[in-house]
Amino acid sequence: MNEDKINSDVIPAINNILKKMCILLKLLDPVVEKIRFLKNLQLNDEDGIFEKISTIFGDIVVESS
């Protein structure tokens, strides 16, 4: 590949991919925060409430499929 081809095709393509990855990461950020929150609830769950909730949701998922 010559330098002109790299400058005109490859670099803009890589730049476009990086922009799309940044957008995807911004969209996933709230999801990651919710997962961290739920993980923290699970770790601090002394009464077993998280276990009961996840069992209820698991039953709903099984019944709906």
N, C-alpha and C. Protein backbone atom coordinates (compact mmCIF):
# COMPACT_ATOMS: atom_id res chain seq x y z
N MET A 1 0.84 -1.18 0.00
CA MET A 1 0.00 0.00 0.00
C MET A 1 0.88 1.24 0.00
N ASN A 2 0.53 2.16 -0.84
CA ASN A 2 1.29 3.40 -0.83
C ASN A 2 0.71 4.39 0.18
N GLU A 3 1.48 5.41 0.44
CA GLU A 3 1.11 6.37 1.48
C GLU A 3 -0.19 7.11 1.17
N ASP A 4 -0.43 7.43 -0.10
CA ASP A 4 -1.67 8.12 -0.48
C ASP A 4 -2.89 7.27 -0.20
N LYS A 5 -2.79 5.98 -0.49
CA LYS A 5 -3.91 5.05 -0.25
C LYS A 5 -4.20 4.96 1.24
N ILE A 6 -3.14 4.89 2.04
CA ILE A 6 -3.32 4.82 3.50
C ILE A 6 -3.98 6.09 4.01
N ASN A 7 -3.50 7.24 3.56
CA ASN A 7 -4.05 8.52 4.03
C ASN A 7 -5.49 8.73 3.58
N SER A 8 -5.83 8.25 2.39
CA SER A 8 -7.16 8.53 1.86
C SER A 8 -8.20 7.48 2.25
N ASP A 9 -7.79 6.25 2.51
CA ASP A 9 -8.76 5.18 2.79
C ASP A 9 -8.65 4.59 4.19
N VAL A 10 -7.47 4.18 4.57
CA VAL A 10 -7.30 3.42 5.81
C VAL A 10 -7.50 4.29 7.04
N ILE A 11 -6.86 5.44 7.09
CA ILE A 11 -6.96 6.29 8.27
C ILE A 11 -8.39 6.79 8.50
N PRO A 12 -9.12 7.27 7.48
CA PRO A 12 -10.52 7.64 7.72
C PRO A 12 -11.39 6.46 8.16
N ALA A 13 -11.11 5.27 7.64
CA ALA A 13 -11.89 4.10 8.05
C ALA A 13 -11.64 3.78 9.52
N ILE A 14 -10.39 3.83 9.94
CA ILE A 14 -10.06 3.58 11.35
C ILE A 14 -10.69 4.66 12.23
N ASN A 15 -10.64 5.90 11.79
CA ASN A 15 -11.25 7.00 12.53
C ASN A 15 -12.75 6.79 12.69
N ASN A 16 -13.41 6.35 11.64
CA ASN A 16 -14.85 6.09 11.68
C ASN A 16 -15.17 4.97 12.66
N ILE A 17 -14.37 3.91 12.64
CA ILE A 17 -14.58 2.79 13.57
C ILE A 17 -14.41 3.26 15.00
N LEU A 18 -13.39 4.06 15.27
CA LEU A 18 -13.16 4.56 16.63
C LEU A 18 -14.30 5.45 17.10
N LYS A 19 -14.84 6.28 16.22
CA LYS A 19 -15.99 7.12 16.58
C LYS A 19 -17.20 6.26 16.96
N LYS A 20 -17.44 5.21 16.16
CA LYS A 20 -18.57 4.33 16.46
C LYS A 20 -18.37 3.57 17.76
N MET A 21 -17.13 3.19 18.05
CA MET A 21 -16.84 2.50 19.32
C MET A 21 -17.08 3.44 20.50
N CYS A 22 -16.72 4.72 20.35
CA CYS A 22 -16.96 5.69 21.42
C CYS A 22 -18.45 5.86 21.67
N ILE A 23 -19.23 5.93 20.61
CA ILE A 23 -20.69 6.05 20.75
C ILE A 23 -21.24 4.82 21.46
N LEU A 24 -20.78 3.64 21.08
CA LEU A 24 -21.23 2.40 21.71
C LEU A 24 -20.88 2.38 23.19
N LEU A 25 -19.68 2.81 23.53
CA LEU A 25 -19.28 2.84 24.94
C LEU A 25 -20.14 3.81 25.74
N LYS A 26 -20.49 4.96 25.15
CA LYS A 26 -21.36 5.92 25.83
C LYS A 26 -22.75 5.32 26.05
N LEU A 27 -23.23 4.55 25.09
CA LEU A 27 -24.54 3.91 25.24
C LEU A 27 -24.51 2.81 26.29
N LEU A 28 -23.38 2.11 26.40
CA LEU A 28 -23.28 1.00 27.34
C LEU A 28 -22.99 1.45 28.77
N ASP A 29 -22.56 2.68 28.96
CA ASP A 29 -22.19 3.16 30.28
C ASP A 29 -23.32 3.02 31.31
N PRO A 30 -24.56 3.43 31.01
CA PRO A 30 -25.64 3.24 31.99
C PRO A 30 -25.89 1.77 32.31
N VAL A 31 -25.73 0.92 31.32
CA VAL A 31 -25.94 -0.52 31.54
C VAL A 31 -24.89 -1.06 32.50
N VAL A 32 -23.64 -0.65 32.29
CA VAL A 32 -22.55 -1.09 33.16
C VAL A 32 -22.78 -0.59 34.59
N GLU A 33 -23.23 0.65 34.73
CA GLU A 33 -23.52 1.19 36.07
C GLU A 33 -24.61 0.38 36.77
N LYS A 34 -25.66 0.00 36.04
CA LYS A 34 -26.73 -0.79 36.65
C LYS A 34 -26.23 -2.17 37.05
N ILE A 35 -25.38 -2.75 36.23
CA ILE A 35 -24.81 -4.07 36.56
C ILE A 35 -23.96 -3.96 37.82
N ARG A 36 -23.15 -2.89 37.92
CA ARG A 36 -22.34 -2.69 39.12
C ARG A 36 -23.23 -2.51 40.35
N PHE A 37 -24.31 -1.75 40.20
CA PHE A 37 -25.23 -1.52 41.31
C PHE A 37 -25.85 -2.83 41.77
N LEU A 38 -26.32 -3.64 40.81
CA LEU A 38 -26.93 -4.93 41.16
C LEU A 38 -25.91 -5.87 41.78
N LYS A 39 -24.68 -5.84 41.28
CA LYS A 39 -23.62 -6.68 41.84
C LYS A 39 -23.35 -6.27 43.28
N ASN A 40 -23.34 -4.97 43.53
CA ASN A 40 -23.13 -4.47 44.88
C ASN A 40 -24.27 -4.89 45.79
N LEU A 41 -25.51 -4.81 45.29
CA LEU A 41 -26.65 -5.28 46.08
C LEU A 41 -26.50 -6.75 46.43
N GLN A 42 -26.06 -7.52 45.45
CA GLN A 42 -25.91 -8.96 45.66
C GLN A 42 -24.85 -9.23 46.72
N LEU A 43 -23.75 -8.48 46.68
CA LEU A 43 -22.67 -8.70 47.64
C LEU A 43 -23.07 -8.28 49.05
N ASN A 44 -23.93 -7.27 49.16
CA ASN A 44 -24.35 -6.77 50.48
C ASN A 44 -25.71 -7.32 50.91
N ASP A 45 -26.16 -8.37 50.29
CA ASP A 45 -27.50 -8.90 50.54
C ASP A 45 -27.46 -9.88 51.71
N GLU A 46 -27.70 -9.35 52.90
CA GLU A 46 -27.67 -10.20 54.08
C GLU A 46 -29.00 -10.93 54.30
N ASP A 47 -30.09 -10.35 53.82
CA ASP A 47 -31.41 -10.94 54.05
C ASP A 47 -31.84 -11.89 52.94
N GLY A 48 -31.06 -11.98 51.88
CA GLY A 48 -31.42 -12.86 50.78
C GLY A 48 -32.47 -12.28 49.85
N ILE A 49 -32.71 -10.96 49.95
CA ILE A 49 -33.74 -10.33 49.11
C ILE A 49 -33.34 -10.39 47.64
N PHE A 50 -32.07 -10.12 47.36
CA PHE A 50 -31.63 -10.15 45.96
C PHE A 50 -31.82 -11.55 45.38
N GLU A 51 -31.53 -12.54 46.18
CA GLU A 51 -31.71 -13.93 45.73
C GLU A 51 -33.18 -14.20 45.41
N LYS A 52 -34.09 -13.72 46.26
CA LYS A 52 -35.52 -13.92 46.02
C LYS A 52 -35.98 -13.20 44.76
N ILE A 53 -35.53 -11.95 44.58
CA ILE A 53 -35.91 -11.18 43.40
C ILE A 53 -35.41 -11.85 42.14
N SER A 54 -34.14 -12.27 42.14
CA SER A 54 -33.59 -12.90 40.93
C SER A 54 -34.29 -14.23 40.66
N THR A 55 -34.73 -14.93 41.69
CA THR A 55 -35.48 -16.18 41.49
C THR A 55 -36.83 -15.88 40.86
N ILE A 56 -37.51 -14.84 41.34
CA ILE A 56 -38.81 -14.46 40.77
C ILE A 56 -38.65 -14.09 39.30
N PHE A 57 -37.65 -13.25 38.99
CA PHE A 57 -37.42 -12.87 37.60
C PHE A 57 -37.01 -14.07 36.76
N GLY A 58 -36.25 -14.97 37.35
CA GLY A 58 -35.86 -16.18 36.62
C GLY A 58 -37.08 -17.01 36.28
N ASP A 59 -38.02 -17.14 37.23
CA ASP A 59 -39.26 -17.89 36.98
C ASP A 59 -40.08 -17.23 35.88
N ILE A 60 -40.15 -15.89 35.89
CA ILE A 60 -40.91 -15.17 34.86
C ILE A 60 -40.29 -15.40 33.49
N VAL A 61 -38.97 -15.36 33.42
CA VAL A 61 -38.28 -15.57 32.14
C VAL A 61 -38.53 -16.99 31.63
N VAL A 62 -38.46 -17.96 32.54
CA VAL A 62 -38.69 -19.36 32.14
C VAL A 62 -40.12 -19.55 31.65
N GLU A 63 -41.09 -18.96 32.37
CA GLU A 63 -42.49 -19.12 31.99
C GLU A 63 -42.81 -18.43 30.66
N SER A 64 -42.17 -17.29 30.40
CA SER A 64 -42.49 -16.56 29.18
C SER A 64 -41.83 -17.17 27.95
N SER A 65 -40.81 -17.97 28.13
CA SER A 65 -40.15 -18.57 26.96
C SER A 65 -40.68 -19.94 26.71
